[in-house]
Amino acid sequence: MKVMVTGATGFLGLYIVEQLAARGDEVRAFCRRATDDLRLPGVVPVLADIRDRAAVVEACRGVDAVIHTAAIAGIWGPWKLFHETNTLGTQYVVEGCRTHAVPRLVFTSSPSVTFDGSPQRGIDESVPYPRHWLAHYPHTKALAEQAVTAANTPGVLHTASIRPHLIWGPRDRHLIPRLLDRARSGRLKQVGTGENLIDITYVENAAAAHLQLLDALAAPALGGRRYFLSQGEPVNCWQWINEILALAGLPPIRSRVPYGVARFAGGLLEGAFTLLRRSDEPRMTRFLAAQLAMDHYFDIGAARRDFGYAPAVSTSAGMQRLVF
């Protein structure tokens, strides 16, 4: 099978490319800059930006499937950048699939598309999108997910979205490095009571789930569906963070901030940064405060049932693979 992977040099995208290549698929690696990591048998880089409509549509020519992981994540930034990358970029991928009769599309979404700032405890895919958004990232990803779902056409284009939560593991350049940087600078503080449970997803498990779903999409019955994904066992957010800090030789977090104080401060900082037109990221936002203080874990029964997902790498085994 010939598969195009967007965001091929990203954290998740590269693992997907490697797993596809390992099983003998041909891979068209869509990315802005090629790296030595893509020098694998059957992998051909295509250098372009996901915001370039013509390039995206043309890149879909002649492939059997697309796994679309390219996105911009974050808690702060201009709407235009998030919308052009996450929403319009996804629409271009859908257009490319339709134009060149690509029969299968797997989209990397996020559980945050359902997050409204309230606790999420064991929810499944029946939970609707919120009416109000705390950040541009989940909003634009939700719009993208809706476009992917609407594009599903039985017998023509089978689409599905997968929502992995807090992907982590070796080669992570975002989540864990940011935690360590904040801890080393003394800016990492516990938000809330420290009792909140969260779902996490080891990166190799997330990549394998994309391949499983891609294969399962050969059956039209799964088209148009959305799937939460995780390790299947929530962890205490702040205990897990402290375990990461310990692996890096750093002390546990001592400072604490009540959730209400953090949320209020986040709102003030958002307003100030907007007024001053600052492009750098505030230390706190309402979205970040809620994510750090609230429960958010999910029912992954649908993924287990529909495409046989089961985490091959346990959380404890994944932690042992982290090297700092």
Protein backbone atom coordinates (compact mmCIF):
# COMPACT_ATOMS: atom_id res chain seq x y z
CA MET A 1 0.00 0.00 0.00
CA LYS A 2 1.17 3.52 -0.76
CA VAL A 3 0.40 5.90 2.10
CA MET A 4 0.92 9.63 2.37
CA VAL A 5 1.71 10.85 5.89
CA THR A 6 1.45 14.58 6.54
CA GLY A 7 3.55 16.02 9.34
CA ALA A 8 5.98 13.20 8.63
CA THR A 9 8.86 14.67 10.64
CA GLY A 10 6.70 15.54 13.63
CA PHE A 11 6.81 13.59 16.88
CA LEU A 12 3.88 11.28 16.07
CA GLY A 13 4.25 11.47 12.29
CA LEU A 14 7.77 10.06 12.29
CA TYR A 15 6.74 7.05 14.36
CA ILE A 16 3.89 6.41 11.91
CA VAL A 17 6.30 6.64 8.96
CA GLU A 18 8.68 4.20 10.65
CA GLN A 19 5.95 1.69 11.42
CA LEU A 20 4.57 1.86 7.87
CA ALA A 21 8.05 1.40 6.39
CA ALA A 22 8.77 -1.50 8.77
CA ARG A 23 5.79 -3.44 7.48
CA GLY A 24 6.71 -2.80 3.85
CA ASP A 25 4.38 0.01 2.81
CA GLU A 26 5.52 2.77 0.47
CA VAL A 27 5.41 6.11 2.24
CA ARG A 28 5.08 9.61 0.81
CA ALA A 29 6.39 11.73 3.66
CA PHE A 30 4.78 15.19 3.41
CA CYS A 31 6.77 17.69 5.47
CA ARG A 32 8.27 21.17 5.34
CA ARG A 33 11.85 20.00 5.83
CA ALA A 34 13.29 16.54 5.27
CA THR A 35 15.53 15.01 7.93
CA ASP A 36 17.88 12.05 8.03
CA ASP A 37 15.19 10.14 9.94
CA LEU A 38 13.26 9.79 6.68
CA ARG A 39 16.07 7.86 5.00
CA LEU A 40 14.19 4.58 5.22
CA PRO A 41 13.37 1.97 2.55
CA GLY A 42 10.28 2.98 0.60
CA VAL A 43 10.04 6.47 2.09
CA VAL A 44 10.00 9.43 -0.30
CA PRO A 45 9.87 12.97 1.16
CA VAL A 46 7.60 15.59 -0.38
CA LEU A 47 8.57 19.07 0.78
CA ALA A 48 5.65 21.47 1.09
CA ASP A 49 3.53 23.36 3.61
CA ILE A 50 0.14 22.02 4.65
CA ARG A 51 -1.23 25.54 4.06
CA ASP A 52 -0.34 25.30 0.35
CA ARG A 53 -3.59 24.07 -1.19
CA ALA A 54 -2.18 23.18 -4.61
CA ALA A 55 0.78 21.30 -3.13
CA VAL A 56 -1.42 19.33 -0.73
CA VAL A 57 -3.92 18.34 -3.41
CA GLU A 58 -1.16 17.28 -5.83
CA ALA A 59 0.63 15.27 -3.13
CA CYS A 60 -2.46 13.07 -2.79
CA ARG A 61 -2.14 11.89 -6.39
CA GLY A 62 -1.46 8.19 -6.76
CA VAL A 63 -1.65 7.10 -3.11
CA ASP A 64 -3.95 4.49 -1.58
CA ALA A 65 -4.47 6.23 1.72
CA VAL A 66 -3.59 9.34 3.74
CA ILE A 67 -2.75 9.67 7.42
CA HIS A 68 -3.04 13.35 8.25
CA THR A 69 -1.10 14.35 11.38
CA ALA A 70 0.20 17.79 10.37
CA ALA A 71 -1.03 20.52 12.72
CA ILE A 72 0.03 23.38 14.89
CA ALA A 73 -0.58 22.81 18.59
CA GLY A 74 -0.38 25.21 21.48
CA ILE A 75 -2.39 27.26 23.93
CA TRP A 76 -1.72 30.66 22.39
CA GLY A 77 -1.25 32.31 19.03
CA PRO A 78 -3.14 34.08 16.25
CA TRP A 79 -6.40 32.59 14.97
CA LYS A 80 -5.20 32.94 11.38
CA LEU A 81 -2.24 30.60 11.90
CA PHE A 82 -4.26 27.95 13.72
CA HIS A 83 -7.14 28.13 11.23
CA GLU A 84 -5.00 28.05 8.11
CA THR A 85 -2.93 25.14 9.39
CA ASN A 86 -5.39 22.98 11.28
CA THR A 87 -8.70 23.66 9.57
CA LEU A 88 -7.92 24.76 6.02
CA GLY A 89 -4.96 22.36 5.80
CA THR A 90 -7.28 19.48 6.64
CA GLN A 91 -9.83 20.67 4.09
CA TYR A 92 -7.08 20.65 1.46
CA VAL A 93 -6.25 17.05 2.39
CA VAL A 94 -9.91 16.09 2.01
CA GLU A 95 -10.00 17.87 -1.36
CA GLY A 96 -6.88 16.00 -2.46
CA CYS A 97 -8.40 12.67 -1.51
CA ARG A 98 -11.58 13.45 -3.45
CA THR A 99 -9.72 14.83 -6.46
CA HIS A 100 -7.46 11.79 -6.82
CA ALA A 101 -9.90 9.11 -5.64
CA VAL A 102 -7.95 8.20 -2.50
CA PRO A 103 -10.20 5.70 -0.70
CA ARG A 104 -9.03 6.05 2.93
CA LEU A 105 -8.20 8.97 5.23
CA VAL A 106 -7.22 8.83 8.91
CA PHE A 107 -7.11 12.17 10.70
CA THR A 108 -5.20 12.84 13.92
CA SER A 109 -7.59 14.84 16.06
CA SER A 110 -7.49 15.58 19.80
CA PRO A 111 -9.72 14.90 22.81
CA SER A 112 -9.57 18.65 23.47
CA VAL A 113 -12.16 19.10 20.70
CA THR A 114 -14.75 18.16 23.34
CA PHE A 115 -13.26 20.18 26.21
CA ASP A 116 -15.25 23.11 27.62
CA GLY A 117 -13.30 23.59 30.85
CA SER A 118 -15.31 21.07 32.85
CA PRO A 119 -14.04 17.73 34.20
CA GLN A 120 -14.18 14.82 31.74
CA ARG A 121 -14.50 11.45 33.45
CA GLY A 122 -14.72 8.35 31.29
CA ILE A 123 -16.63 10.08 28.50
CA ASP A 124 -17.10 8.44 25.11
CA GLU A 125 -17.47 9.74 21.55
CA SER A 126 -21.14 10.62 22.03
CA VAL A 127 -20.14 13.79 23.91
CA PRO A 128 -20.87 16.81 21.67
CA TYR A 129 -18.57 19.65 20.76
CA PRO A 130 -18.71 22.56 23.23
CA ARG A 131 -20.40 25.87 22.47
CA HIS A 132 -17.47 27.91 23.74
CA TRP A 133 -13.74 27.41 23.27
CA LEU A 134 -10.89 28.28 25.60
CA ALA A 135 -8.19 28.21 22.92
CA HIS A 136 -7.82 28.30 19.14
CA TYR A 137 -6.19 24.87 18.95
CA PRO A 138 -9.19 22.76 20.04
CA HIS A 139 -11.57 24.98 18.10
CA THR A 140 -9.72 24.66 14.80
CA LYS A 141 -9.13 20.94 15.34
CA ALA A 142 -12.86 20.45 15.94
CA LEU A 143 -13.68 22.25 12.70
CA ALA A 144 -11.15 20.02 10.92
CA GLU A 145 -12.60 16.88 12.50
CA GLN A 146 -16.08 17.86 11.38
CA ALA A 147 -14.82 18.32 7.82
CA VAL A 148 -13.24 14.86 7.87
CA THR A 149 -16.42 13.28 9.23
CA ALA A 150 -18.59 15.04 6.64
CA ALA A 151 -16.29 13.87 3.83
CA ASN A 152 -16.97 10.20 4.54
CA THR A 153 -18.68 8.66 1.52
CA PRO A 154 -19.30 4.89 1.65
CA GLY A 155 -17.62 3.10 -1.21
CA VAL A 156 -15.74 6.24 -2.28
CA LEU A 157 -13.83 7.82 0.60
CA HIS A 158 -13.77 6.25 4.04
CA THR A 159 -12.64 8.67 6.75
CA ALA A 160 -12.12 8.43 10.49
CA SER A 161 -10.63 10.58 13.25
CA ILE A 162 -8.49 9.41 16.12
CA ARG A 163 -8.11 11.41 19.34
CA PRO A 164 -4.93 10.42 21.22
CA HIS A 165 -4.53 12.18 24.54
CA LEU A 166 -1.18 13.62 25.72
CA ILE A 167 1.21 11.74 23.47
CA TRP A 168 4.60 11.19 25.13
CA GLY A 169 7.73 9.11 24.74
CA PRO A 170 11.28 9.23 23.36
CA ARG A 171 12.03 12.02 20.85
CA ASP A 172 9.27 14.25 22.24
CA ARG A 173 10.25 17.85 21.49
CA HIS A 174 7.29 19.58 23.09
CA LEU A 175 5.41 18.19 26.11
CA ILE A 176 8.20 16.78 28.26
CA PRO A 177 10.86 19.37 27.29
CA ARG A 178 8.43 22.15 28.24
CA LEU A 179 7.77 20.52 31.62
CA LEU A 180 11.48 20.18 32.30
CA ASP A 181 12.21 23.73 31.19
CA ARG A 182 9.55 25.13 33.51
CA ALA A 183 10.74 22.97 36.37
CA ARG A 184 14.38 24.01 35.96
CA SER A 185 13.42 27.69 35.87
CA GLY A 186 11.16 27.39 38.92
CA ARG A 187 8.04 28.24 36.92
CA LEU A 188 6.29 24.87 37.26
CA LYS A 189 3.59 24.94 39.93
CA GLN A 190 0.87 22.47 40.77
CA VAL A 191 -2.54 23.80 39.80
CA GLY A 192 -5.49 22.62 41.87
CA THR A 193 -5.65 19.90 44.50
CA GLY A 194 -3.22 17.56 42.77
CA GLU A 195 -5.80 14.76 42.72
CA ASN A 196 -6.91 15.03 39.09
CA LEU A 197 -6.69 11.97 36.86
CA ILE A 198 -5.65 12.26 33.21
CA ASP A 199 -5.21 9.95 30.24
CA ILE A 200 -1.85 9.70 28.47
CA THR A 201 -0.78 7.88 25.30
CA TYR A 202 2.64 6.39 24.66
CA VAL A 203 3.76 7.46 21.19
CA GLU A 204 4.37 3.99 19.72
CA ASN A 205 0.87 2.94 20.79
CA ALA A 206 -0.60 6.05 19.18
CA ALA A 207 1.24 5.35 15.92
CA ALA A 208 0.19 1.69 15.89
CA ALA A 209 -3.44 2.71 16.42
CA HIS A 210 -3.29 4.88 13.29
CA LEU A 211 -2.15 1.89 11.23
CA GLN A 212 -4.81 -0.36 12.77
CA LEU A 213 -7.54 2.16 12.01
CA LEU A 214 -6.21 2.70 8.49
CA ASP A 215 -6.43 -1.02 7.78
CA ALA A 216 -9.87 -1.31 9.37
CA LEU A 217 -11.19 1.51 7.14
CA ALA A 218 -11.20 -0.95 4.25
CA ALA A 219 -14.61 -1.81 5.71
CA PRO A 220 -17.06 1.05 5.06
CA ALA A 221 -18.88 0.46 8.36
CA LEU A 222 -16.21 2.36 10.29
CA GLY A 223 -16.23 5.41 8.05
CA GLY A 224 -17.13 8.74 9.59
CA ARG A 225 -16.38 7.70 13.15
CA ARG A 226 -14.25 9.30 15.85
CA TYR A 227 -12.17 7.48 18.46
CA PHE A 228 -10.65 8.46 21.80
CA LEU A 229 -7.26 6.89 22.42
CA SER A 230 -5.04 6.47 25.48
CA GLN A 231 -3.15 3.94 27.56
CA GLY A 232 -6.52 2.83 28.90
CA GLU A 233 -5.50 3.53 32.50
CA PRO A 234 -5.67 7.11 33.83
CA VAL A 235 -2.78 8.39 35.92
CA ASN A 236 -2.63 11.06 38.59
CA CYS A 237 -1.48 14.11 36.65
CA TRP A 238 0.92 15.51 39.24
CA GLN A 239 2.33 12.17 40.35
CA TRP A 240 3.12 11.40 36.71
CA ILE A 241 4.78 14.80 36.24
CA ASN A 242 6.86 14.22 39.36
CA GLU A 243 7.93 10.81 38.04
CA ILE A 244 9.18 12.51 34.87
CA LEU A 245 11.02 15.11 36.92
CA ALA A 246 12.65 12.37 39.01
CA LEU A 247 13.85 10.57 35.86
CA ALA A 248 15.45 13.85 34.81
CA GLY A 249 17.12 14.26 38.19
CA LEU A 250 14.87 17.13 39.27
CA PRO A 251 13.05 17.56 42.60
CA PRO A 252 9.26 17.17 42.85
CA ILE A 253 6.97 20.16 42.60
CA ARG A 254 6.49 21.97 45.89
CA SER A 255 4.59 25.13 44.94
CA ARG A 256 0.81 25.02 44.53
CA VAL A 257 -1.77 27.41 43.11
CA PRO A 258 -5.55 27.02 43.62
CA TYR A 259 -7.42 26.39 40.36
CA GLY A 260 -9.57 29.50 40.73
CA VAL A 261 -6.51 31.70 41.14
CA ALA A 262 -4.77 30.12 38.14
CA ARG A 263 -7.86 30.49 35.95
CA PHE A 264 -8.33 34.13 36.98
CA ALA A 265 -4.66 34.88 36.31
CA GLY A 266 -4.92 33.13 32.97
CA GLY A 267 -7.85 35.31 31.95
CA LEU A 268 -5.98 38.46 32.94
CA LEU A 269 -2.87 37.41 31.01
CA GLU A 270 -4.91 36.53 27.93
CA GLY A 271 -6.50 39.97 27.98
CA ALA A 272 -3.17 41.73 28.49
CA PHE A 273 -1.40 39.76 25.75
CA THR A 274 -4.26 40.43 23.36
CA LEU A 275 -4.28 44.15 24.14
CA LEU A 276 -0.51 44.40 23.74
CA ARG A 277 -0.56 42.17 20.64
CA ARG A 278 2.12 39.96 22.09
CA SER A 279 2.93 36.81 20.10
CA ASP A 280 4.77 34.98 22.88
CA GLU A 281 2.87 32.55 25.08
CA PRO A 282 1.48 33.61 28.49
CA ARG A 283 2.67 31.61 31.48
CA MET A 284 -0.96 30.74 32.20
CA THR A 285 -4.26 30.73 30.30
CA ARG A 286 -7.76 29.59 31.23
CA PHE A 287 -7.36 26.54 28.99
CA LEU A 288 -4.04 25.55 30.56
CA ALA A 289 -5.34 26.05 34.10
CA ALA A 290 -8.31 23.77 33.42
CA GLN A 291 -6.15 21.13 31.74
CA LEU A 292 -3.76 21.07 34.70
CA ALA A 293 -6.43 20.97 37.40
CA MET A 294 -9.35 18.98 35.97
CA ASP A 295 -9.93 15.28 35.43
CA HIS A 296 -9.81 14.36 31.75
CA TYR A 297 -9.85 10.70 30.89
CA PHE A 298 -11.82 8.81 28.28
CA ASP A 299 -13.61 5.59 27.39
CA ILE A 300 -11.56 3.88 24.66
CA GLY A 301 -13.97 0.97 24.28
CA ALA A 302 -14.84 1.93 20.71
CA ALA A 303 -11.20 1.76 19.60
CA ARG A 304 -10.80 -1.61 21.27
CA ARG A 305 -13.98 -2.93 19.66
CA ASP A 306 -13.77 -1.48 16.15
CA PHE A 307 -10.11 -1.89 15.22
CA GLY A 308 -8.63 -4.01 17.97
CA TYR A 309 -6.62 -1.34 19.73
CA ALA A 310 -4.67 -2.53 22.76
CA PRO A 311 -1.65 -0.62 24.12
CA ALA A 312 1.37 -2.81 23.30
CA VAL A 313 3.67 -0.69 25.49
CA SER A 314 2.51 -0.23 29.07
CA THR A 315 2.86 3.08 30.86
CA SER A 316 5.56 1.71 33.16
CA ALA A 317 7.51 0.25 30.22
CA GLY A 318 7.20 3.53 28.35
CA MET A 319 8.53 5.47 31.32
CA GLN A 320 11.59 3.22 31.40
CA ARG A 321 12.32 4.15 27.78
CA LEU A 322 12.58 7.86 28.55
CA VAL A 323 16.15 9.11 28.48
CA PHE A 324 17.22 12.63 29.49
